[in-house]
N, C-alpha and C. Protein backbone atom coordinates (compact mmCIF):
# COMPACT_ATOMS: atom_id res chain seq x y z
N UNK A 1 0.85 -1.19 0.00
CA UNK A 1 0.00 0.00 0.00
C UNK A 1 0.89 1.24 0.00
N UNK A 2 0.59 2.20 -0.87
CA UNK A 2 1.39 3.43 -0.96
C UNK A 2 0.77 4.52 -0.09
N UNK A 3 1.58 5.11 0.76
CA UNK A 3 1.12 6.25 1.55
C UNK A 3 2.27 7.24 1.71
N UNK A 4 1.95 8.44 2.14
CA UNK A 4 2.95 9.49 2.28
C UNK A 4 3.26 9.72 3.75
N UNK A 5 4.52 10.01 4.04
CA UNK A 5 4.93 10.26 5.41
C UNK A 5 4.43 11.63 5.86
N UNK A 6 4.09 11.73 7.13
CA UNK A 6 3.53 12.98 7.66
C UNK A 6 4.50 14.15 7.55
N UNK A 7 5.82 13.87 7.54
CA UNK A 7 6.80 14.94 7.43
C UNK A 7 6.76 15.62 6.05
N UNK A 8 6.10 14.99 5.09
CA UNK A 8 6.06 15.56 3.75
C UNK A 8 4.77 16.29 3.42
N UNK A 9 3.76 16.18 4.30
CA UNK A 9 2.45 16.75 3.97
C UNK A 9 2.52 18.24 3.64
N UNK A 10 3.11 19.03 4.53
CA UNK A 10 3.15 20.49 4.31
C UNK A 10 4.01 20.84 3.10
N UNK A 11 5.14 20.14 2.93
CA UNK A 11 6.03 20.42 1.80
C UNK A 11 5.33 20.12 0.48
N UNK A 12 4.59 19.01 0.42
CA UNK A 12 3.89 18.63 -0.80
C UNK A 12 2.79 19.65 -1.13
N UNK A 13 2.05 20.09 -0.11
CA UNK A 13 0.99 21.08 -0.33
C UNK A 13 1.56 22.39 -0.84
N UNK A 14 2.63 22.88 -0.20
CA UNK A 14 3.27 24.13 -0.63
C UNK A 14 3.82 23.99 -2.04
N UNK A 15 4.46 22.85 -2.32
CA UNK A 15 5.01 22.61 -3.65
C UNK A 15 3.91 22.62 -4.71
N UNK A 16 2.77 22.00 -4.40
CA UNK A 16 1.66 21.98 -5.34
C UNK A 16 1.16 23.39 -5.64
N UNK A 17 1.04 24.20 -4.60
CA UNK A 17 0.55 25.57 -4.78
C UNK A 17 1.52 26.39 -5.63
N UNK A 18 2.82 26.25 -5.35
CA UNK A 18 3.82 26.99 -6.13
C UNK A 18 3.82 26.54 -7.59
N UNK A 19 3.78 25.23 -7.80
CA UNK A 19 3.83 24.70 -9.16
C UNK A 19 2.55 25.05 -9.93
N UNK A 20 1.40 25.04 -9.26
CA UNK A 20 0.16 25.44 -9.91
C UNK A 20 0.21 26.91 -10.32
N UNK A 21 0.78 27.74 -9.42
CA UNK A 21 0.91 29.16 -9.73
C UNK A 21 1.81 29.40 -10.93
N UNK A 22 2.94 28.72 -10.93
CA UNK A 22 3.87 28.85 -12.07
C UNK A 22 3.26 28.29 -13.35
N UNK A 23 2.53 27.18 -13.18
CA UNK A 23 1.89 26.58 -14.35
C UNK A 23 0.87 27.53 -14.97
N UNK A 24 0.15 28.24 -14.11
CA UNK A 24 -0.81 29.23 -14.63
C UNK A 24 -0.10 30.34 -15.40
N UNK A 25 1.01 30.83 -14.86
CA UNK A 25 1.76 31.88 -15.55
C UNK A 25 2.32 31.37 -16.87
N UNK A 26 2.81 30.13 -16.86
CA UNK A 26 3.40 29.57 -18.07
C UNK A 26 2.34 29.28 -19.14
N UNK A 27 1.07 29.20 -18.73
CA UNK A 27 0.01 28.92 -19.71
C UNK A 27 -0.15 30.05 -20.72
N UNK A 28 0.39 31.22 -20.38
CA UNK A 28 0.31 32.35 -21.30
C UNK A 28 1.47 32.36 -22.30
N UNK A 29 2.43 31.44 -22.10
CA UNK A 29 3.57 31.35 -23.01
C UNK A 29 3.17 30.57 -24.25
N UNK A 30 3.70 30.95 -25.37
CA UNK A 30 3.34 30.31 -26.64
C UNK A 30 3.80 28.84 -26.67
N UNK A 31 3.01 28.00 -27.33
CA UNK A 31 3.36 26.60 -27.57
C UNK A 31 4.48 26.56 -28.63
N UNK A 32 5.56 25.73 -28.53
CA UNK A 32 5.74 24.61 -27.58
C UNK A 32 6.54 24.98 -26.34
N UNK A 33 6.92 26.28 -26.21
CA UNK A 33 7.71 26.69 -25.04
C UNK A 33 6.94 26.45 -23.74
N UNK A 34 5.61 26.53 -23.86
CA UNK A 34 4.78 26.30 -22.68
C UNK A 34 5.04 24.91 -22.11
N UNK A 35 5.08 23.89 -22.97
CA UNK A 35 5.32 22.52 -22.51
C UNK A 35 6.72 22.35 -21.94
N UNK A 36 7.71 23.02 -22.55
CA UNK A 36 9.08 22.91 -22.06
C UNK A 36 9.23 23.51 -20.67
N UNK A 37 8.38 24.46 -20.32
CA UNK A 37 8.42 25.07 -18.99
C UNK A 37 7.60 24.28 -17.96
N UNK A 38 6.46 23.76 -18.39
CA UNK A 38 5.57 23.06 -17.47
C UNK A 38 6.04 21.64 -17.16
N UNK A 39 6.61 20.95 -18.15
CA UNK A 39 7.02 19.56 -17.95
C UNK A 39 8.00 19.38 -16.78
N UNK A 40 9.08 20.21 -16.65
CA UNK A 40 9.99 20.05 -15.50
C UNK A 40 9.29 20.24 -14.16
N UNK A 41 8.26 21.11 -14.12
CA UNK A 41 7.52 21.32 -12.87
C UNK A 41 6.77 20.06 -12.46
N UNK A 42 6.19 19.38 -13.44
CA UNK A 42 5.46 18.14 -13.16
C UNK A 42 6.43 17.06 -12.66
N UNK A 43 7.59 16.96 -13.31
CA UNK A 43 8.60 15.98 -12.89
C UNK A 43 9.07 16.28 -11.47
N UNK A 44 9.29 17.56 -11.18
CA UNK A 44 9.73 17.95 -9.83
C UNK A 44 8.71 17.57 -8.78
N UNK A 45 7.45 17.81 -9.04
CA UNK A 45 6.39 17.46 -8.09
C UNK A 45 6.33 15.95 -7.87
N UNK A 46 6.47 15.17 -8.94
CA UNK A 46 6.47 13.71 -8.81
C UNK A 46 7.63 13.25 -7.93
N UNK A 47 8.81 13.86 -8.12
CA UNK A 47 9.98 13.48 -7.32
C UNK A 47 9.79 13.82 -5.85
N UNK A 48 9.18 14.97 -5.57
CA UNK A 48 8.93 15.38 -4.18
C UNK A 48 7.98 14.39 -3.51
N UNK A 49 6.90 14.05 -4.19
CA UNK A 49 5.94 13.09 -3.64
C UNK A 49 6.60 11.73 -3.43
N UNK A 50 7.41 11.30 -4.40
CA UNK A 50 8.09 10.01 -4.32
C UNK A 50 9.06 9.97 -3.13
N UNK A 51 9.72 11.09 -2.85
CA UNK A 51 10.68 11.13 -1.75
C UNK A 51 10.01 10.83 -0.41
N UNK A 52 8.77 11.28 -0.23
CA UNK A 52 8.10 11.14 1.06
C UNK A 52 7.22 9.89 1.13
N UNK A 53 7.47 8.92 0.27
CA UNK A 53 6.70 7.67 0.35
C UNK A 53 7.01 6.93 1.64
N UNK A 54 6.03 6.21 2.15
CA UNK A 54 6.17 5.49 3.42
C UNK A 54 5.66 4.06 3.20
N UNK A 55 6.56 3.13 2.89
CA UNK A 55 6.14 1.75 2.60
C UNK A 55 5.68 1.00 3.85
N UNK A 56 4.69 0.15 3.66
CA UNK A 56 4.22 -0.73 4.74
C UNK A 56 5.14 -1.94 4.80
N UNK A 57 5.77 -2.17 5.95
CA UNK A 57 6.66 -3.32 6.10
C UNK A 57 6.40 -4.00 7.45
N UNK A 58 6.42 -5.32 7.43
CA UNK A 58 6.20 -6.11 8.64
C UNK A 58 7.50 -6.84 8.98
N UNK A 59 7.99 -6.64 10.19
CA UNK A 59 9.23 -7.28 10.63
C UNK A 59 8.91 -8.52 11.45
N UNK A 60 9.50 -9.64 11.06
CA UNK A 60 9.29 -10.90 11.79
C UNK A 60 10.66 -11.52 12.12
N UNK A 61 11.33 -11.02 13.16
CA UNK A 61 12.65 -11.54 13.52
C UNK A 61 12.58 -12.96 14.04
N UNK A 62 13.65 -13.70 13.79
CA UNK A 62 13.73 -15.08 14.27
C UNK A 62 14.31 -15.16 15.68
N UNK A 63 15.02 -14.09 16.08
CA UNK A 63 15.68 -14.07 17.39
C UNK A 63 15.84 -12.63 17.86
N UNK A 64 15.73 -12.37 19.18
CA UNK A 64 15.94 -11.01 19.70
C UNK A 64 17.37 -10.53 19.54
N UNK A 65 18.28 -11.41 19.15
CA UNK A 65 19.68 -11.03 18.97
C UNK A 65 19.97 -10.58 17.53
N UNK A 66 18.95 -10.63 16.67
CA UNK A 66 19.11 -10.17 15.30
C UNK A 66 18.96 -8.66 15.23
N UNK A 67 19.79 -8.03 14.40
CA UNK A 67 19.75 -6.58 14.21
C UNK A 67 19.39 -6.31 12.75
N UNK A 68 18.35 -5.51 12.55
CA UNK A 68 17.87 -5.24 11.20
C UNK A 68 18.21 -3.81 10.77
N UNK A 69 18.29 -3.61 9.47
CA UNK A 69 18.68 -2.30 8.92
C UNK A 69 17.71 -1.22 9.39
N UNK A 70 18.25 -0.10 9.89
CA UNK A 70 17.40 1.01 10.32
C UNK A 70 16.98 1.92 9.17
N UNK A 71 17.51 1.68 7.96
CA UNK A 71 17.22 2.56 6.82
C UNK A 71 17.45 1.84 5.51
N UNK A 72 16.84 2.36 4.45
CA UNK A 72 17.12 1.89 3.09
C UNK A 72 18.42 2.55 2.61
N UNK A 73 19.15 1.87 1.75
CA UNK A 73 20.36 2.47 1.19
C UNK A 73 21.43 1.46 0.87
N UNK A 74 22.68 1.92 0.89
CA UNK A 74 23.83 1.09 0.55
C UNK A 74 24.83 1.10 1.70
N UNK A 75 25.35 -0.07 2.03
CA UNK A 75 26.36 -0.17 3.09
C UNK A 75 27.67 0.43 2.58
N UNK A 76 28.15 1.47 3.27
CA UNK A 76 29.37 2.16 2.82
C UNK A 76 30.52 2.00 3.82
N UNK A 77 30.22 1.56 5.03
CA UNK A 77 31.28 1.40 6.05
C UNK A 77 31.00 0.14 6.88
N UNK A 78 32.02 -0.69 7.04
CA UNK A 78 32.03 -1.76 8.04
C UNK A 78 33.44 -1.74 8.61
N UNK A 79 33.58 -1.20 9.81
CA UNK A 79 34.93 -1.06 10.36
C UNK A 79 34.89 -0.97 11.89
N UNK A 80 36.05 -1.14 12.49
CA UNK A 80 36.18 -1.02 13.94
C UNK A 80 36.54 0.43 14.27
N UNK A 81 35.80 1.01 15.22
CA UNK A 81 36.04 2.40 15.63
C UNK A 81 36.04 2.48 17.16
N UNK A 82 36.54 3.61 17.66
CA UNK A 82 36.47 3.85 19.11
C UNK A 82 35.38 4.88 19.36
N UNK A 83 34.35 4.50 20.13
CA UNK A 83 33.25 5.41 20.45
C UNK A 83 33.58 6.09 21.78
N UNK A 84 33.88 7.40 21.71
CA UNK A 84 34.44 8.10 22.87
C UNK A 84 33.42 8.87 23.69
N UNK A 85 32.18 8.99 23.22
CA UNK A 85 31.21 9.86 23.90
C UNK A 85 30.33 9.13 24.90
N UNK A 86 29.74 8.03 24.49
CA UNK A 86 28.76 7.34 25.33
C UNK A 86 29.27 5.99 25.86
N UNK A 87 29.82 5.18 24.96
CA UNK A 87 30.22 3.83 25.33
C UNK A 87 31.67 3.74 25.79
N UNK A 88 32.50 4.65 25.24
CA UNK A 88 33.92 4.73 25.60
C UNK A 88 34.62 3.38 25.44
N UNK A 89 34.42 2.78 24.28
CA UNK A 89 35.06 1.51 23.97
C UNK A 89 35.05 1.29 22.46
N UNK A 90 35.80 0.29 22.01
CA UNK A 90 35.81 -0.02 20.59
C UNK A 90 34.49 -0.68 20.19
N UNK A 91 34.04 -0.34 18.99
CA UNK A 91 32.78 -0.86 18.47
C UNK A 91 32.93 -1.21 16.99
N UNK A 92 32.02 -2.01 16.50
CA UNK A 92 31.96 -2.34 15.08
C UNK A 92 30.91 -1.43 14.44
N UNK A 93 31.35 -0.58 13.51
CA UNK A 93 30.44 0.38 12.89
C UNK A 93 29.96 -0.11 11.52
N UNK A 94 28.65 -0.04 11.32
CA UNK A 94 28.04 -0.28 10.01
C UNK A 94 27.31 1.00 9.62
N UNK A 95 27.62 1.54 8.44
CA UNK A 95 27.01 2.78 7.98
C UNK A 95 26.24 2.54 6.69
N UNK A 96 25.04 3.11 6.63
CA UNK A 96 24.17 2.97 5.46
C UNK A 96 23.96 4.35 4.85
N UNK A 97 24.36 4.52 3.58
CA UNK A 97 24.16 5.77 2.87
C UNK A 97 22.81 5.77 2.18
N UNK A 98 22.02 6.83 2.41
CA UNK A 98 20.70 6.97 1.81
C UNK A 98 20.75 8.05 0.74
N UNK A 99 20.53 7.67 -0.51
CA UNK A 99 20.49 8.64 -1.60
C UNK A 99 19.13 9.33 -1.59
N UNK A 100 19.00 10.46 -2.30
CA UNK A 100 17.69 11.14 -2.35
C UNK A 100 16.56 10.28 -2.89
N UNK A 101 16.88 9.19 -3.59
CA UNK A 101 15.84 8.33 -4.15
C UNK A 101 15.42 7.21 -3.20
N UNK A 102 16.14 7.04 -2.10
CA UNK A 102 15.78 6.01 -1.12
C UNK A 102 14.63 6.46 -0.24
N UNK A 103 13.93 5.49 0.37
CA UNK A 103 12.98 5.79 1.44
C UNK A 103 13.78 6.40 2.59
N UNK A 104 13.28 7.48 3.18
CA UNK A 104 14.05 8.16 4.24
C UNK A 104 13.46 8.01 5.63
N UNK A 105 12.55 7.06 5.79
CA UNK A 105 12.07 6.70 7.13
C UNK A 105 13.18 5.92 7.83
N UNK A 106 13.33 6.12 9.13
CA UNK A 106 14.30 5.36 9.93
C UNK A 106 13.56 4.54 10.97
N UNK A 107 13.97 3.27 11.11
CA UNK A 107 13.34 2.35 12.05
C UNK A 107 14.35 1.90 13.10
N UNK A 108 13.85 1.55 14.27
CA UNK A 108 14.74 1.05 15.33
C UNK A 108 15.26 -0.33 14.95
N UNK A 109 16.59 -0.52 14.95
CA UNK A 109 17.16 -1.81 14.55
C UNK A 109 17.00 -2.90 15.61
N UNK A 110 16.72 -2.48 16.85
CA UNK A 110 16.55 -3.42 17.96
C UNK A 110 15.43 -2.91 18.86
N UNK A 111 14.99 -3.77 19.76
CA UNK A 111 14.04 -3.37 20.78
C UNK A 111 14.77 -3.09 22.09
N UNK A 112 14.21 -2.20 22.91
CA UNK A 112 14.85 -1.90 24.19
C UNK A 112 14.40 -0.56 24.74
N UNK A 113 15.18 -0.05 25.68
CA UNK A 113 14.88 1.23 26.34
C UNK A 113 15.85 2.30 25.88
N UNK A 114 15.32 3.45 25.50
CA UNK A 114 16.16 4.57 25.05
C UNK A 114 16.84 5.20 26.27
N UNK A 115 18.16 5.16 26.29
CA UNK A 115 18.93 5.76 27.38
C UNK A 115 19.24 7.22 27.08
N UNK A 116 19.64 7.48 25.85
CA UNK A 116 20.05 8.83 25.44
C UNK A 116 19.52 9.15 24.06
N UNK A 117 19.07 10.40 23.90
CA UNK A 117 18.75 10.93 22.57
C UNK A 117 19.31 12.35 22.54
N UNK A 118 20.30 12.58 21.69
CA UNK A 118 20.99 13.87 21.69
C UNK A 118 21.22 14.36 20.27
N UNK A 119 20.82 15.61 20.03
CA UNK A 119 21.07 16.24 18.73
C UNK A 119 22.36 17.05 18.82
N UNK A 120 23.26 16.83 17.86
CA UNK A 120 24.57 17.49 17.87
C UNK A 120 24.73 18.31 16.60
N UNK A 121 24.87 19.65 16.71
CA UNK A 121 25.09 20.48 15.52
C UNK A 121 26.45 20.14 14.90
N UNK A 122 26.59 20.42 13.61
CA UNK A 122 27.86 20.14 12.96
C UNK A 122 27.88 20.58 11.51
N UNK A 123 28.81 20.00 10.76
CA UNK A 123 28.99 20.36 9.36
C UNK A 123 28.01 19.60 8.47
N UNK A 124 28.12 19.84 7.16
CA UNK A 124 27.29 19.14 6.19
C UNK A 124 28.18 18.56 5.08
N UNK A 125 29.17 17.79 5.50
CA UNK A 125 30.00 17.08 4.53
C UNK A 125 29.14 16.06 3.80
N UNK A 126 29.56 15.66 2.59
CA UNK A 126 28.81 14.62 1.89
C UNK A 126 28.73 13.38 2.79
N UNK A 127 27.59 12.70 2.76
CA UNK A 127 27.32 11.65 3.75
C UNK A 127 28.28 10.48 3.69
N UNK A 128 28.95 10.27 2.54
CA UNK A 128 29.89 9.14 2.46
C UNK A 128 31.31 9.54 2.88
N UNK A 129 31.49 10.79 3.27
CA UNK A 129 32.82 11.25 3.71
C UNK A 129 33.20 10.55 5.02
N UNK A 130 34.45 10.07 5.17
CA UNK A 130 34.86 9.34 6.37
C UNK A 130 34.64 10.11 7.67
N UNK A 131 34.72 11.46 7.61
CA UNK A 131 34.59 12.27 8.83
C UNK A 131 33.16 12.70 9.12
N UNK A 132 32.21 12.32 8.25
CA UNK A 132 30.83 12.77 8.45
C UNK A 132 30.23 12.21 9.74
N UNK A 133 30.66 11.04 10.17
CA UNK A 133 30.12 10.42 11.39
C UNK A 133 30.43 11.23 12.64
N UNK A 134 31.57 11.94 12.63
CA UNK A 134 31.98 12.67 13.82
C UNK A 134 31.89 14.19 13.68
N UNK A 135 31.84 14.69 12.43
CA UNK A 135 31.85 16.14 12.24
C UNK A 135 30.53 16.71 11.73
N UNK A 136 29.67 15.88 11.16
CA UNK A 136 28.39 16.38 10.63
C UNK A 136 27.34 16.53 11.71
N UNK A 137 26.33 17.33 11.41
CA UNK A 137 25.16 17.39 12.28
C UNK A 137 24.57 15.99 12.38
N UNK A 138 24.14 15.60 13.58
CA UNK A 138 23.61 14.25 13.76
C UNK A 138 22.75 14.16 15.01
N UNK A 139 21.97 13.11 15.08
CA UNK A 139 21.21 12.79 16.29
C UNK A 139 21.61 11.40 16.73
N UNK A 140 22.08 11.28 17.95
CA UNK A 140 22.53 10.01 18.50
C UNK A 140 21.48 9.42 19.43
N UNK A 141 21.21 8.13 19.25
CA UNK A 141 20.26 7.43 20.12
C UNK A 141 20.94 6.19 20.68
N UNK A 142 21.00 6.10 22.00
CA UNK A 142 21.59 4.94 22.67
C UNK A 142 20.46 4.09 23.23
N UNK A 143 20.42 2.81 22.79
CA UNK A 143 19.35 1.90 23.19
C UNK A 143 19.92 0.74 23.99
N UNK A 144 19.30 0.46 25.12
CA UNK A 144 19.68 -0.69 25.96
C UNK A 144 18.72 -1.82 25.68
N UNK A 145 19.24 -2.92 25.11
CA UNK A 145 18.38 -4.06 24.76
C UNK A 145 18.10 -4.96 25.95
N UNK A 146 18.79 -4.71 27.05
CA UNK A 146 18.69 -5.59 28.20
C UNK A 146 19.94 -6.43 28.37
N UNK A 147 20.62 -6.69 27.25
CA UNK A 147 21.87 -7.44 27.29
C UNK A 147 23.02 -6.64 26.67
N UNK A 148 22.70 -5.71 25.77
CA UNK A 148 23.71 -4.90 25.09
C UNK A 148 23.21 -3.46 24.95
N UNK A 149 24.16 -2.55 24.74
CA UNK A 149 23.82 -1.17 24.42
C UNK A 149 24.27 -0.87 23.00
N UNK A 150 23.34 -0.37 22.16
CA UNK A 150 23.64 -0.06 20.77
C UNK A 150 23.45 1.43 20.52
N UNK A 151 24.35 1.99 19.74
CA UNK A 151 24.26 3.41 19.39
C UNK A 151 23.85 3.54 17.93
N UNK A 152 22.79 4.30 17.68
CA UNK A 152 22.31 4.60 16.33
C UNK A 152 22.45 6.09 16.10
N UNK A 153 23.10 6.48 14.99
CA UNK A 153 23.29 7.90 14.68
C UNK A 153 22.66 8.22 13.33
N UNK A 154 21.76 9.19 13.34
CA UNK A 154 21.21 9.74 12.10
C UNK A 154 22.12 10.91 11.71
N UNK A 155 22.79 10.79 10.58
CA UNK A 155 23.82 11.77 10.19
C UNK A 155 23.33 12.58 9.00
N UNK A 156 23.41 13.89 9.11
CA UNK A 156 23.03 14.77 7.99
C UNK A 156 24.10 14.72 6.91
N UNK A 157 23.70 14.94 5.67
CA UNK A 157 24.63 15.00 4.55
C UNK A 157 24.67 16.38 3.94
N UNK A 158 25.21 16.48 2.74
CA UNK A 158 25.32 17.78 2.07
C UNK A 158 23.95 18.33 1.72
N UNK A 159 22.98 17.44 1.45
CA UNK A 159 21.63 17.88 1.09
C UNK A 159 20.66 17.81 2.26
N UNK A 160 20.93 16.94 3.24
CA UNK A 160 20.01 16.77 4.36
C UNK A 160 20.21 17.88 5.38
N UNK A 161 19.21 18.72 5.54
CA UNK A 161 19.33 19.85 6.47
C UNK A 161 18.36 19.75 7.63
N UNK A 162 17.68 18.61 7.73
CA UNK A 162 16.81 18.45 8.89
C UNK A 162 16.72 16.98 9.27
N UNK A 163 17.14 16.69 10.50
CA UNK A 163 17.03 15.36 11.06
C UNK A 163 15.86 15.36 12.05
N UNK A 164 14.95 14.42 11.89
CA UNK A 164 13.80 14.32 12.77
C UNK A 164 13.90 13.02 13.54
N UNK A 165 13.78 13.10 14.86
CA UNK A 165 13.82 11.90 15.70
C UNK A 165 12.69 11.99 16.72
N UNK A 166 11.90 10.91 16.79
CA UNK A 166 10.71 10.92 17.65
C UNK A 166 10.95 10.34 19.03
N UNK A 167 12.14 9.80 19.28
CA UNK A 167 12.41 9.12 20.55
C UNK A 167 12.88 10.10 21.62
N UNK A 168 12.72 9.68 22.86
CA UNK A 168 13.24 10.45 23.99
C UNK A 168 13.67 9.48 25.07
N UNK A 169 14.59 9.91 25.96
CA UNK A 169 15.07 9.01 27.01
C UNK A 169 13.92 8.43 27.83
N UNK A 170 14.00 7.14 28.08
CA UNK A 170 12.96 6.45 28.84
C UNK A 170 11.95 5.73 27.98
N UNK A 171 11.89 6.06 26.69
CA UNK A 171 10.96 5.37 25.80
C UNK A 171 11.34 3.90 25.66
N UNK A 172 10.35 3.04 25.61
CA UNK A 172 10.56 1.63 25.32
C UNK A 172 10.14 1.39 23.87
N UNK A 173 11.07 0.96 23.04
CA UNK A 173 10.79 0.76 21.62
C UNK A 173 10.82 -0.72 21.27
N UNK A 174 10.00 -1.07 20.31
CA UNK A 174 10.01 -2.42 19.76
C UNK A 174 10.88 -2.40 18.50
N UNK A 175 11.50 -3.52 18.21
CA UNK A 175 12.30 -3.62 17.00
C UNK A 175 11.42 -3.33 15.78
N UNK A 176 11.86 -2.41 14.94
CA UNK A 176 11.10 -2.04 13.76
C UNK A 176 10.18 -0.86 13.95
N UNK A 177 10.08 -0.33 15.18
CA UNK A 177 9.30 0.89 15.40
C UNK A 177 9.93 2.06 14.64
N UNK A 178 9.12 2.97 14.16
CA UNK A 178 9.66 4.15 13.48
C UNK A 178 10.36 5.04 14.50
N UNK A 179 11.58 5.46 14.18
CA UNK A 179 12.34 6.31 15.11
C UNK A 179 12.57 7.71 14.57
N UNK A 180 12.39 7.92 13.25
CA UNK A 180 12.60 9.26 12.73
C UNK A 180 12.59 9.32 11.22
N UNK A 181 13.05 10.47 10.72
CA UNK A 181 13.04 10.74 9.28
C UNK A 181 14.15 11.74 9.01
N UNK A 182 14.83 11.60 7.86
CA UNK A 182 15.87 12.56 7.47
C UNK A 182 15.54 13.07 6.08
N UNK A 183 15.60 14.38 5.91
CA UNK A 183 15.22 14.96 4.62
C UNK A 183 16.41 15.11 3.67
N UNK A 184 16.26 14.51 2.50
CA UNK A 184 17.09 14.75 1.31
C UNK A 184 18.54 14.30 1.39
N UNK A 185 18.75 13.00 1.54
CA UNK A 185 20.10 12.43 1.42
C UNK A 185 20.88 12.46 2.71
N UNK A 186 21.37 11.33 3.16
CA UNK A 186 22.02 11.28 4.48
C UNK A 186 22.57 9.88 4.72
N UNK A 187 22.87 9.57 5.99
CA UNK A 187 23.31 8.22 6.33
C UNK A 187 22.93 7.89 7.76
N UNK A 188 22.94 6.61 8.06
CA UNK A 188 22.68 6.14 9.43
C UNK A 188 23.83 5.24 9.83
N UNK A 189 24.42 5.52 11.00
CA UNK A 189 25.51 4.71 11.55
C UNK A 189 24.96 3.85 12.68
N UNK A 190 25.43 2.63 12.75
CA UNK A 190 25.06 1.72 13.82
C UNK A 190 26.33 1.18 14.44
N UNK A 191 26.50 1.37 15.75
CA UNK A 191 27.71 0.91 16.44
C UNK A 191 27.37 -0.30 17.31
N UNK A 192 27.93 -1.44 16.92
CA UNK A 192 27.62 -2.72 17.54
C UNK A 192 28.79 -3.23 18.37
N UNK A 193 28.54 -4.19 19.27
CA UNK A 193 29.64 -4.83 19.99
C UNK A 193 30.60 -5.49 19.00
N UNK A 194 31.87 -5.58 19.37
CA UNK A 194 32.88 -6.13 18.47
C UNK A 194 32.62 -7.58 18.09
N UNK A 195 31.93 -8.32 18.95
CA UNK A 195 31.70 -9.74 18.65
C UNK A 195 30.43 -9.98 17.83
N UNK A 196 29.76 -8.89 17.41
CA UNK A 196 28.58 -9.05 16.57
C UNK A 196 28.98 -9.66 15.22
N UNK A 197 28.19 -10.59 14.73
CA UNK A 197 28.48 -11.24 13.45
C UNK A 197 27.75 -10.48 12.33
N UNK A 198 28.52 -9.79 11.50
CA UNK A 198 27.96 -8.97 10.43
C UNK A 198 27.44 -9.85 9.30
N UNK A 199 26.23 -9.55 8.82
CA UNK A 199 25.60 -10.36 7.79
C UNK A 199 25.52 -9.65 6.44
N UNK A 200 26.15 -8.47 6.32
CA UNK A 200 26.15 -7.72 5.05
C UNK A 200 27.59 -7.41 4.67
N UNK A 201 27.78 -6.82 3.49
CA UNK A 201 29.11 -6.46 3.03
C UNK A 201 29.09 -5.08 2.38
N UNK A 202 30.26 -4.48 2.24
CA UNK A 202 30.40 -3.16 1.64
C UNK A 202 29.78 -3.16 0.24
N UNK A 203 28.99 -2.12 -0.05
CA UNK A 203 28.37 -1.99 -1.36
C UNK A 203 27.02 -2.65 -1.48
N UNK A 204 26.63 -3.44 -0.48
CA UNK A 204 25.35 -4.14 -0.54
C UNK A 204 24.19 -3.17 -0.30
N UNK A 205 23.12 -3.31 -1.08
CA UNK A 205 21.92 -2.51 -0.87
C UNK A 205 21.05 -3.20 0.18
N UNK A 206 20.53 -2.40 1.10
CA UNK A 206 19.73 -2.95 2.19
C UNK A 206 18.39 -2.22 2.27
N UNK A 207 17.43 -2.87 2.89
CA UNK A 207 16.10 -2.28 3.08
C UNK A 207 15.81 -2.18 4.57
N UNK A 208 15.40 -1.00 5.00
CA UNK A 208 15.08 -0.80 6.41
C UNK A 208 13.95 -1.70 6.86
N UNK A 209 14.11 -2.26 8.05
CA UNK A 209 13.11 -3.12 8.66
C UNK A 209 12.96 -4.45 7.94
N UNK A 210 13.88 -4.74 6.99
CA UNK A 210 13.80 -5.99 6.24
C UNK A 210 15.12 -6.76 6.20
N UNK A 211 16.24 -6.04 5.98
CA UNK A 211 17.53 -6.70 5.79
C UNK A 211 18.22 -6.98 7.13
N UNK A 212 18.63 -8.21 7.33
CA UNK A 212 19.40 -8.57 8.53
C UNK A 212 20.81 -8.01 8.40
N UNK A 213 21.22 -7.15 9.34
CA UNK A 213 22.55 -6.55 9.32
C UNK A 213 23.58 -7.37 10.08
N UNK A 214 23.17 -7.84 11.26
CA UNK A 214 24.12 -8.54 12.12
C UNK A 214 23.37 -9.33 13.18
N UNK A 215 24.12 -10.21 13.86
CA UNK A 215 23.56 -10.99 14.97
C UNK A 215 24.47 -10.80 16.16
N UNK A 216 23.90 -10.46 17.31
CA UNK A 216 24.68 -10.25 18.52
C UNK A 216 25.20 -11.59 19.04
């Protein structure tokens, strides 16, 4: 079933009004220039509507130790890093790059209790840049599963200028619950324990709430 995300409702309405207004003005232009001006507006509106699509997905995990993709996109990083802010230990990082054509809803990769939700201002480097995880604007969410603590970071990119996160400390989330939305190209980082068994590889395309990323 096709539906639109609530974060896009106002943008789509405003876009429609602007495009209708321009379309009316362009209607006074002589043919065929009229079509050359109106056609790009129609394409633009279709792309805006497509960006805010919200697919219906049902998650059926086989084990509570399975970790599922929090976003649609391509795996661009699988590496060992030191997390110095919350966990203060080495972690295995998996990063998913979301292009403007991907679904931009973000889902919780695990179930548990939200310990921390913090928005951090920063730069707008391209989302695949190695330093974007630590220097870009981002929202960090630390979730306690009961046995492990996982850090999920919504990272802004060169085009993404608004990160939306619906969680707050103390919230109890189920695996696959919606956790937020990022507008216009970005990435999501997931920091796992070092002994987590990764089930994806660099360059692989993944689907949020569907693709198994790793097993604790």
